[in-house]
Amino acid sequence: MPNVIKALFGFQHQQINLKNGKVTYSRRDKIIKSDNGPVSVNYFVNDDYSYVSGILFSDITVLNHPDKIGDDCIFVNNPFADNPVKASFIKLFKNWHTGRTRNGIKLKRNYN
């Protein structure tokens, strides 16, 4: 799971149930910076950010981009957005489609 997903939904550590193999993640609301200031890591599960429909993320610099523009980018939709983005909206970029479930959030990576 990319760090951008963890920062948007507050996921922390992967947990595997040894009895049934079900994978879940521990949660957190913030991380603490070196100056002891808190930084939120749950933007997409916070109603204050429901106006954000999605995030386009890249950890590559402009001068160090891949040959095919867009291969370095990941698009993550906000399933709690006031104006949600359809899964088929972004074709140029790698993307993670997220959705609501009765028990939380469903994640699906749409690239190899």
C-alpha atoms as a PDB file:
ATOM      1  CA  MET A   1       0.000   0.000   0.000  1.00  0.00           C
ATOM      2  CA  PRO A   2       1.516   3.361  -0.993  1.00  0.00           C
ATOM      3  CA  ASN A   3       2.174   5.873   1.767  1.00  0.00           C
ATOM      4  CA  VAL A   4      -0.252   8.321   0.149  1.00  0.00           C
ATOM      5  CA  ILE A   5      -3.103   5.868   0.871  1.00  0.00           C
ATOM      6  CA  LYS A   6      -1.980   5.599   4.490  1.00  0.00           C
ATOM      7  CA  ALA A   7      -1.885   9.408   4.786  1.00  0.00           C
ATOM      8  CA  LEU A   8      -5.359   9.871   3.298  1.00  0.00           C
ATOM      9  CA  PHE A   9      -7.202   7.161   5.241  1.00  0.00           C
ATOM     10  CA  GLY A  10      -5.223   6.858   8.493  1.00  0.00           C
ATOM     11  CA  PHE A  11      -4.012   3.304   7.877  1.00  0.00           C
ATOM     12  CA  GLN A  12      -0.957   2.221   9.840  1.00  0.00           C
ATOM     13  CA  HIS A  13       0.137  -1.415  10.235  1.00  0.00           C
ATOM     14  CA  GLN A  14      -1.101  -4.436   8.318  1.00  0.00           C
ATOM     15  CA  GLN A  15      -2.727  -7.066  10.538  1.00  0.00           C
ATOM     16  CA  ILE A  16      -3.430 -10.655   9.483  1.00  0.00           C
ATOM     17  CA  ASN A  17      -5.906 -12.841  11.364  1.00  0.00           C
ATOM     18  CA  LEU A  18      -4.114 -16.182  11.694  1.00  0.00           C
ATOM     19  CA  LYS A  19      -7.380 -18.109  11.971  1.00  0.00           C
ATOM     20  CA  ASN A  20      -9.108 -16.890   8.800  1.00  0.00           C
ATOM     21  CA  GLY A  21      -6.360 -15.020   6.897  1.00  0.00           C
ATOM     22  CA  LYS A  22      -8.354 -11.786   6.800  1.00  0.00           C
ATOM     23  CA  VAL A  23      -6.162  -8.703   6.325  1.00  0.00           C
ATOM     24  CA  THR A  24      -6.955  -5.451   8.147  1.00  0.00           C
ATOM     25  CA  TYR A  25      -4.990  -2.347   9.095  1.00  0.00           C
ATOM     26  CA  SER A  26      -4.571  -0.566  12.383  1.00  0.00           C
ATOM     27  CA  ARG A  27      -5.679   3.077  12.283  1.00  0.00           C
ATOM     28  CA  ARG A  28      -4.342   6.404  13.457  1.00  0.00           C
ATOM     29  CA  ASP A  29      -5.539   9.997  13.201  1.00  0.00           C
ATOM     30  CA  LYS A  30      -2.196  11.787  13.254  1.00  0.00           C
ATOM     31  CA  ILE A  31       1.562  11.473  13.265  1.00  0.00           C
ATOM     32  CA  ILE A  32       3.911  13.612  15.322  1.00  0.00           C
ATOM     33  CA  LYS A  33       6.545  15.743  13.568  1.00  0.00           C
ATOM     34  CA  SER A  34      10.061  16.136  14.926  1.00  0.00           C
ATOM     35  CA  ASP A  35       8.995  19.429  16.581  1.00  0.00           C
ATOM     36  CA  ASN A  36       6.174  17.500  18.359  1.00  0.00           C
ATOM     37  CA  GLY A  37       3.481  19.100  16.212  1.00  0.00           C
ATOM     38  CA  PRO A  38       0.632  16.833  15.054  1.00  0.00           C
ATOM     39  CA  VAL A  39      -0.041  16.149  11.357  1.00  0.00           C
ATOM     40  CA  SER A  40      -3.405  14.720  10.359  1.00  0.00           C
ATOM     41  CA  VAL A  41      -3.354  11.444   8.380  1.00  0.00           C
ATOM     42  CA  ASN A  42      -7.057  10.842   7.903  1.00  0.00           C
ATOM     43  CA  TYR A  43      -8.119  13.447   5.337  1.00  0.00           C
ATOM     44  CA  PHE A  44     -10.486  11.232   3.336  1.00  0.00           C
ATOM     45  CA  VAL A  45     -12.339   9.920   6.384  1.00  0.00           C
ATOM     46  CA  ASN A  46     -12.789  13.418   7.776  1.00  0.00           C
ATOM     47  CA  ASP A  47     -15.942  15.362   6.792  1.00  0.00           C
ATOM     48  CA  ASP A  48     -13.887  18.571   6.677  1.00  0.00           C
ATOM     49  CA  TYR A  49     -12.335  17.353   3.400  1.00  0.00           C
ATOM     50  CA  SER A  50     -15.450  16.019   1.655  1.00  0.00           C
ATOM     51  CA  TYR A  51     -15.002  18.737  -0.982  1.00  0.00           C
ATOM     52  CA  VAL A  52     -11.855  16.899  -2.243  1.00  0.00           C
ATOM     53  CA  SER A  53     -12.858  14.336  -4.879  1.00  0.00           C
ATOM     54  CA  GLY A  54      -9.425  12.778  -5.289  1.00  0.00           C
ATOM     55  CA  ILE A  55      -5.665  13.187  -5.098  1.00  0.00           C
ATOM     56  CA  LEU A  56      -3.082  12.859  -7.854  1.00  0.00           C
ATOM     57  CA  PHE A  57       0.219  11.860  -6.237  1.00  0.00           C
ATOM     58  CA  SER A  58       3.775  11.404  -7.480  1.00  0.00           C
ATOM     59  CA  ASP A  59       7.000  10.997  -5.543  1.00  0.00           C
ATOM     60  CA  ILE A  60       9.160  11.621  -8.645  1.00  0.00           C
ATOM     61  CA  THR A  61      10.668  15.023  -9.452  1.00  0.00           C
ATOM     62  CA  VAL A  62       9.814  16.764 -12.721  1.00  0.00           C
ATOM     63  CA  LEU A  63      13.404  16.385 -13.917  1.00  0.00           C
ATOM     64  CA  ASN A  64      13.407  12.664 -13.128  1.00  0.00           C
ATOM     65  CA  HIS A  65      10.120  11.677 -14.810  1.00  0.00           C
ATOM     66  CA  PRO A  66       9.601   8.346 -16.628  1.00  0.00           C
ATOM     67  CA  ASP A  67       9.525   8.129 -20.428  1.00  0.00           C
ATOM     68  CA  LYS A  68       5.761   7.654 -20.439  1.00  0.00           C
ATOM     69  CA  ILE A  69       4.248  10.650 -18.670  1.00  0.00           C
ATOM     70  CA  GLY A  70       1.842   9.475 -15.980  1.00  0.00           C
ATOM     71  CA  ASP A  71       3.621   6.220 -15.097  1.00  0.00           C
ATOM     72  CA  ASP A  72       4.892   7.860 -11.907  1.00  0.00           C
ATOM     73  CA  CYS A  73       1.469   9.118 -10.756  1.00  0.00           C
ATOM     74  CA  ILE A  74      -1.177   7.475  -8.619  1.00  0.00           C
ATOM     75  CA  PHE A  75      -4.744   8.772  -8.487  1.00  0.00           C
ATOM     76  CA  VAL A  76      -6.751   8.051  -5.324  1.00  0.00           C
ATOM     77  CA  ASN A  77     -10.466   8.837  -5.241  1.00  0.00           C
ATOM     78  CA  ASN A  78     -12.264   9.970  -2.097  1.00  0.00           C
ATOM     79  CA  PRO A  79     -15.258   7.645  -1.504  1.00  0.00           C
ATOM     80  CA  PHE A  80     -16.677  10.140   0.999  1.00  0.00           C
ATOM     81  CA  ALA A  81     -16.517  13.129  -1.385  1.00  0.00           C
ATOM     82  CA  ASP A  82     -19.502  15.364  -2.033  1.00  0.00           C
ATOM     83  CA  ASN A  83     -18.776  14.887  -5.763  1.00  0.00           C
ATOM     84  CA  PRO A  84     -17.168  11.440  -6.093  1.00  0.00           C
ATOM     85  CA  VAL A  85     -15.016  10.481  -9.078  1.00  0.00           C
ATOM     86  CA  LYS A  86     -16.063   7.391 -11.019  1.00  0.00           C
ATOM     87  CA  ALA A  87     -13.572   4.518 -11.162  1.00  0.00           C
ATOM     88  CA  SER A  88     -13.309   4.855 -14.942  1.00  0.00           C
ATOM     89  CA  PHE A  89     -12.527   8.601 -14.843  1.00  0.00           C
ATOM     90  CA  ILE A  90      -8.726   8.436 -14.767  1.00  0.00           C
ATOM     91  CA  LYS A  91      -7.216   6.242 -17.481  1.00  0.00           C
ATOM     92  CA  LEU A  92      -3.869   8.009 -17.922  1.00  0.00           C
ATOM     93  CA  PHE A  93      -2.636   7.354 -14.379  1.00  0.00           C
ATOM     94  CA  LYS A  94      -2.277   4.330 -12.151  1.00  0.00           C
ATOM     95  CA  ASN A  95      -5.068   4.495  -9.640  1.00  0.00           C
ATOM     96  CA  TRP A  96      -6.483   3.089  -6.468  1.00  0.00           C
ATOM     97  CA  HIS A  97     -10.245   2.921  -6.390  1.00  0.00           C
ATOM     98  CA  THR A  98     -11.659   3.235  -2.909  1.00  0.00           C
ATOM     99  CA  GLY A  99     -15.191   2.568  -1.822  1.00  0.00           C
ATOM    100  CA  ARG A 100     -17.351   2.462   1.248  1.00  0.00           C
ATOM    101  CA  THR A 101     -18.387  -0.800   2.829  1.00  0.00           C
ATOM    102  CA  ARG A 102     -20.618  -1.505   5.785  1.00  0.00           C
ATOM    103  CA  ASN A 103     -17.529  -2.154   7.922  1.00  0.00           C
ATOM    104  CA  GLY A 104     -15.154   0.484   6.552  1.00  0.00           C
ATOM    105  CA  ILE A 105     -13.230   1.148   3.366  1.00  0.00           C
ATOM    106  CA  LYS A 106     -12.563  -1.108   0.381  1.00  0.00           C
ATOM    107  CA  LEU A 107      -9.340  -0.579  -1.600  1.00  0.00           C
ATOM    108  CA  LYS A 108      -8.639  -1.852  -5.099  1.00  0.00           C
ATOM    109  CA  ARG A 109      -5.419  -1.230  -7.012  1.00  0.00           C
ATOM    110  CA  ASN A 110      -6.142  -0.782 -10.718  1.00  0.00           C
ATOM    111  CA  TYR A 111      -2.635  -1.461 -12.075  1.00  0.00           C
ATOM    112  CA  ASN A 112       0.115  -4.072 -11.855  1.00  0.00           C
END
